[in-house]
N, C-alpha and C. Protein backbone atom coordinates (compact mmCIF):
# COMPACT_ATOMS: atom_id res chain seq x y z
N UNK A 1 -36.90 -52.54 -13.46
CA UNK A 1 -37.61 -52.59 -14.98
C UNK A 1 -38.15 -51.46 -15.93
N UNK A 2 -38.01 -51.92 -16.81
CA UNK A 2 -37.96 -51.50 -18.22
C UNK A 2 -38.67 -51.74 -19.49
N UNK A 3 -39.23 -50.91 -19.66
CA UNK A 3 -39.87 -51.30 -20.60
C UNK A 3 -39.73 -50.55 -22.99
N UNK A 4 -39.73 -50.36 -23.50
CA UNK A 4 -39.74 -50.34 -24.84
C UNK A 4 -40.96 -50.83 -25.23
N UNK A 5 -41.48 -49.30 -26.13
CA UNK A 5 -42.46 -48.99 -26.64
C UNK A 5 -43.27 -48.72 -27.52
N UNK A 6 -44.31 -48.97 -28.38
CA UNK A 6 -44.84 -47.96 -28.83
C UNK A 6 -45.98 -47.72 -29.12
N UNK A 7 -46.65 -46.22 -29.84
CA UNK A 7 -47.11 -45.66 -29.57
C UNK A 7 -47.50 -45.54 -30.76
N UNK A 8 -48.82 -45.54 -31.42
CA UNK A 8 -49.16 -44.44 -32.61
C UNK A 8 -50.60 -43.13 -31.77
N UNK A 9 -49.37 -42.34 -33.03
CA UNK A 9 -49.94 -40.65 -32.68
C UNK A 9 -51.20 -41.13 -33.43
N UNK A 10 -52.58 -39.40 -33.28
CA UNK A 10 -52.92 -39.26 -33.71
C UNK A 10 -52.71 -39.04 -35.45
N UNK A 11 -51.82 -38.47 -35.72
CA UNK A 11 -52.11 -39.27 -37.67
C UNK A 11 -51.03 -39.73 -37.88
N UNK A 12 -51.42 -40.91 -37.46
CA UNK A 12 -50.75 -42.67 -38.17
C UNK A 12 -49.86 -42.66 -37.99
N UNK A 13 -48.87 -42.10 -38.28
CA UNK A 13 -47.35 -41.96 -37.22
C UNK A 13 -47.20 -43.47 -36.65
N UNK A 14 -46.58 -44.16 -36.05
CA UNK A 14 -45.94 -45.09 -35.10
C UNK A 14 -44.80 -43.91 -34.17
N UNK A 15 -44.99 -44.10 -33.34
CA UNK A 15 -43.11 -42.99 -32.53
C UNK A 15 -42.68 -44.92 -31.35
N UNK A 16 -41.51 -44.87 -31.71
CA UNK A 16 -41.38 -46.00 -30.10
C UNK A 16 -39.81 -45.29 -29.59
N UNK A 17 -40.20 -45.05 -28.17
CA UNK A 17 -39.32 -45.49 -26.83
C UNK A 17 -39.04 -45.57 -25.84
N UNK A 18 -38.78 -45.61 -24.84
CA UNK A 18 -38.37 -47.38 -23.45
C UNK A 18 -38.54 -46.02 -22.83
N UNK A 19 -38.36 -46.26 -21.72
CA UNK A 19 -39.48 -45.84 -20.22
C UNK A 19 -38.52 -46.90 -19.49
N UNK A 20 -39.20 -46.47 -17.71
CA UNK A 20 -39.53 -47.65 -16.07
C UNK A 20 -41.09 -47.36 -16.34
N UNK A 21 -41.85 -46.60 -16.12
CA UNK A 21 -42.99 -46.44 -16.18
C UNK A 21 -44.08 -46.37 -18.18
N UNK A 22 -44.82 -47.22 -17.55
CA UNK A 22 -45.65 -46.87 -19.44
C UNK A 22 -46.56 -45.94 -18.93
N UNK A 23 -46.71 -45.69 -17.73
CA UNK A 23 -49.03 -44.70 -18.49
C UNK A 23 -48.55 -43.89 -17.60
N UNK A 24 -46.97 -43.61 -16.33
CA UNK A 24 -46.59 -41.96 -16.49
C UNK A 24 -45.92 -41.52 -17.74
N UNK A 25 -45.49 -42.36 -19.02
CA UNK A 25 -44.39 -42.04 -20.11
C UNK A 25 -46.25 -41.23 -20.95
N UNK A 26 -46.99 -41.94 -21.13
CA UNK A 26 -48.26 -42.73 -21.79
C UNK A 26 -48.70 -41.53 -21.85
N UNK A 27 -48.56 -41.21 -20.08
CA UNK A 27 -49.23 -39.47 -19.45
C UNK A 27 -48.21 -37.95 -20.09
N UNK A 28 -46.84 -37.58 -19.93
CA UNK A 28 -46.69 -36.49 -19.93
C UNK A 28 -46.87 -36.60 -22.06
N UNK A 29 -46.74 -38.09 -22.49
CA UNK A 29 -47.28 -37.78 -24.37
C UNK A 29 -47.97 -37.01 -24.87
N UNK A 30 -49.04 -37.17 -23.63
CA UNK A 30 -50.67 -37.26 -24.38
C UNK A 30 -50.32 -34.98 -23.63
N UNK A 31 -50.28 -34.81 -22.49
CA UNK A 31 -50.07 -33.90 -21.71
C UNK A 31 -48.51 -32.42 -22.69
N UNK A 32 -47.75 -33.44 -23.07
CA UNK A 32 -46.81 -32.82 -24.59
C UNK A 32 -45.86 -32.17 -23.12
N UNK A 33 -45.32 -32.33 -22.59
CA UNK A 33 -44.24 -33.23 -21.39
C UNK A 33 -43.08 -33.81 -22.09
N UNK A 34 -42.39 -33.33 -22.26
CA UNK A 34 -40.61 -33.89 -22.17
C UNK A 34 -41.11 -34.70 -23.67
N UNK A 35 -41.64 -34.86 -23.95
CA UNK A 35 -42.25 -34.90 -25.74
C UNK A 35 -40.62 -34.69 -26.56
N UNK A 36 -40.45 -35.87 -28.12
CA UNK A 36 -40.37 -34.91 -28.79
C UNK A 36 -41.26 -34.70 -29.95
N UNK A 37 -42.86 -34.96 -29.89
CA UNK A 37 -43.84 -35.17 -30.82
C UNK A 37 -45.05 -33.54 -30.88
N UNK A 38 -45.26 -33.32 -31.75
CA UNK A 38 -45.46 -32.43 -32.17
C UNK A 38 -46.57 -32.23 -31.27
N UNK A 39 -47.52 -31.35 -31.57
CA UNK A 39 -48.98 -31.05 -30.77
C UNK A 39 -49.85 -31.86 -32.23
N UNK A 40 -49.41 -31.33 -32.95
CA UNK A 40 -50.63 -32.08 -34.28
C UNK A 40 -50.89 -33.87 -34.20
N UNK A 41 -49.14 -34.31 -33.38
CA UNK A 41 -49.91 -36.25 -33.16
C UNK A 41 -50.50 -35.68 -31.73
N UNK A 42 -51.16 -35.03 -31.41
CA UNK A 42 -51.35 -35.66 -30.44
C UNK A 42 -52.33 -35.82 -29.90
N UNK A 43 -53.39 -36.81 -29.62
CA UNK A 43 -52.94 -37.82 -28.17
C UNK A 43 -52.55 -38.88 -28.93
N UNK A 44 -51.84 -39.72 -27.97
CA UNK A 44 -51.25 -40.43 -28.90
C UNK A 44 -52.37 -42.06 -27.79
N UNK A 45 -51.53 -43.50 -28.50
CA UNK A 45 -51.99 -44.79 -27.94
C UNK A 45 -50.91 -45.45 -27.90
N UNK A 46 -51.12 -46.57 -26.83
CA UNK A 46 -49.91 -47.30 -26.47
C UNK A 46 -50.62 -48.18 -27.18
N UNK A 47 -50.04 -48.84 -28.15
CA UNK A 47 -50.16 -50.42 -28.99
C UNK A 47 -49.31 -51.74 -28.93
N UNK A 48 -48.22 -50.92 -28.18
CA UNK A 48 -47.26 -52.37 -27.95
C UNK A 48 -46.00 -52.05 -27.55
N UNK A 49 -46.26 -52.82 -26.90
CA UNK A 49 -44.58 -52.82 -25.79
C UNK A 49 -44.18 -53.96 -24.94
N UNK A 50 -42.54 -54.54 -24.92
CA UNK A 50 -41.58 -55.30 -24.53
C UNK A 50 -41.45 -54.73 -23.41
N UNK A 51 -40.56 -55.89 -22.04
CA UNK A 51 -40.53 -55.29 -20.62
C UNK A 51 -39.48 -56.38 -20.58
N UNK A 52 -38.12 -55.07 -20.15
CA UNK A 52 -36.90 -55.97 -19.82
C UNK A 52 -36.16 -55.64 -18.61
N UNK A 53 -34.31 -56.49 -18.03
CA UNK A 53 -33.99 -56.14 -16.84
C UNK A 53 -33.98 -55.21 -16.76
N UNK A 54 -32.59 -54.97 -18.09
CA UNK A 54 -32.40 -53.62 -17.75
C UNK A 54 -32.45 -52.48 -18.82
N UNK A 55 -31.96 -51.55 -18.57
CA UNK A 55 -31.57 -50.12 -19.00
C UNK A 55 -31.39 -50.67 -20.11
N UNK A 56 -30.20 -50.82 -20.69
CA UNK A 56 -29.78 -51.96 -21.73
C UNK A 56 -30.04 -52.04 -23.35
N UNK A 57 -30.53 -53.85 -22.02
CA UNK A 57 -31.13 -54.49 -23.18
C UNK A 57 -32.97 -53.21 -24.01
N UNK A 58 -33.77 -52.63 -22.91
CA UNK A 58 -34.34 -52.27 -23.33
C UNK A 58 -33.34 -51.08 -24.76
N UNK A 59 -32.78 -50.27 -24.47
CA UNK A 59 -32.30 -49.48 -25.45
C UNK A 59 -31.83 -50.57 -26.93
N UNK A 60 -31.30 -51.40 -27.13
CA UNK A 60 -30.71 -52.57 -27.21
C UNK A 60 -31.52 -52.19 -28.49
N UNK A 61 -33.08 -53.03 -27.79
CA UNK A 61 -33.98 -53.81 -28.83
C UNK A 61 -34.84 -52.53 -29.28
N UNK A 62 -35.04 -50.88 -28.72
CA UNK A 62 -36.52 -50.08 -28.79
C UNK A 62 -34.34 -49.35 -30.00
N UNK A 63 -34.09 -49.51 -30.24
CA UNK A 63 -32.55 -48.88 -31.33
C UNK A 63 -33.07 -50.34 -32.73
N UNK A 64 -33.38 -50.68 -32.29
CA UNK A 64 -32.78 -52.42 -33.51
C UNK A 64 -34.84 -51.93 -33.92
N UNK A 65 -35.89 -51.50 -33.56
CA UNK A 65 -37.29 -51.22 -33.70
C UNK A 65 -37.23 -49.91 -33.93
N UNK A 66 -36.95 -49.55 -34.42
CA UNK A 66 -36.34 -47.99 -35.59
C UNK A 66 -36.37 -47.60 -36.45
N UNK A 67 -35.16 -49.27 -36.04
CA UNK A 67 -34.59 -48.66 -37.83
C UNK A 67 -35.64 -49.83 -38.95
N UNK A 68 -36.85 -50.40 -38.50
CA UNK A 68 -37.41 -51.02 -38.75
C UNK A 68 -38.38 -50.29 -39.46
N UNK A 69 -38.68 -50.73 -41.01
CA UNK A 69 -40.18 -50.24 -41.57
C UNK A 69 -41.78 -50.57 -40.31
N UNK A 70 -42.22 -49.12 -40.98
CA UNK A 70 -44.10 -49.44 -41.01
C UNK A 70 -44.59 -50.69 -40.73
N UNK A 71 -43.88 -51.80 -42.26
CA UNK A 71 -44.81 -52.46 -42.25
C UNK A 71 -44.29 -53.82 -41.03
N UNK A 72 -43.26 -53.81 -40.89
CA UNK A 72 -42.51 -55.24 -39.42
C UNK A 72 -43.11 -54.00 -38.95
N UNK A 73 -43.10 -53.33 -37.73
CA UNK A 73 -43.38 -53.03 -37.05
C UNK A 73 -45.10 -52.88 -36.91
N UNK A 74 -46.28 -52.59 -37.68
CA UNK A 74 -47.94 -53.88 -37.70
C UNK A 74 -47.92 -54.84 -37.66
N UNK A 75 -46.73 -55.46 -38.44
CA UNK A 75 -46.73 -56.52 -37.85
C UNK A 75 -46.76 -57.49 -36.43
N UNK A 76 -45.28 -57.08 -36.11
CA UNK A 76 -44.93 -56.54 -34.82
C UNK A 76 -46.58 -56.16 -33.65
N UNK A 77 -46.50 -55.22 -33.81
CA UNK A 77 -47.82 -55.01 -32.98
C UNK A 77 -49.71 -55.62 -32.88
N UNK A 78 -49.51 -55.73 -33.92
CA UNK A 78 -50.50 -57.39 -34.57
C UNK A 78 -49.65 -59.12 -33.13
N UNK A 79 -48.73 -59.01 -33.65
CA UNK A 79 -47.88 -60.41 -32.47
C UNK A 79 -48.23 -60.23 -30.82
N UNK A 80 -49.42 -58.80 -30.49
CA UNK A 80 -50.01 -58.20 -29.30
C UNK A 80 -50.62 -58.84 -28.24
N UNK A 81 -51.89 -58.87 -29.42
CA UNK A 81 -52.73 -59.09 -29.74
C UNK A 81 -53.46 -60.34 -29.82
């Protein structure tokens, strides 16, 4: 399984990523390990995720979400709750 996830950064920015292990990846972000996020953006909070059977499906969805405006991402995040 692979996941597309959205985290909310400390500064309010959303970051979308892909992983096979969400718990581990969020921990890496918050520890500043293998993350493109700046220290001023940490810690992050997981606010959305989707599960996919293949990395190809997940990568396609990640690219789609990354192209969205903030407002559309917030509608998606609210749909999870």
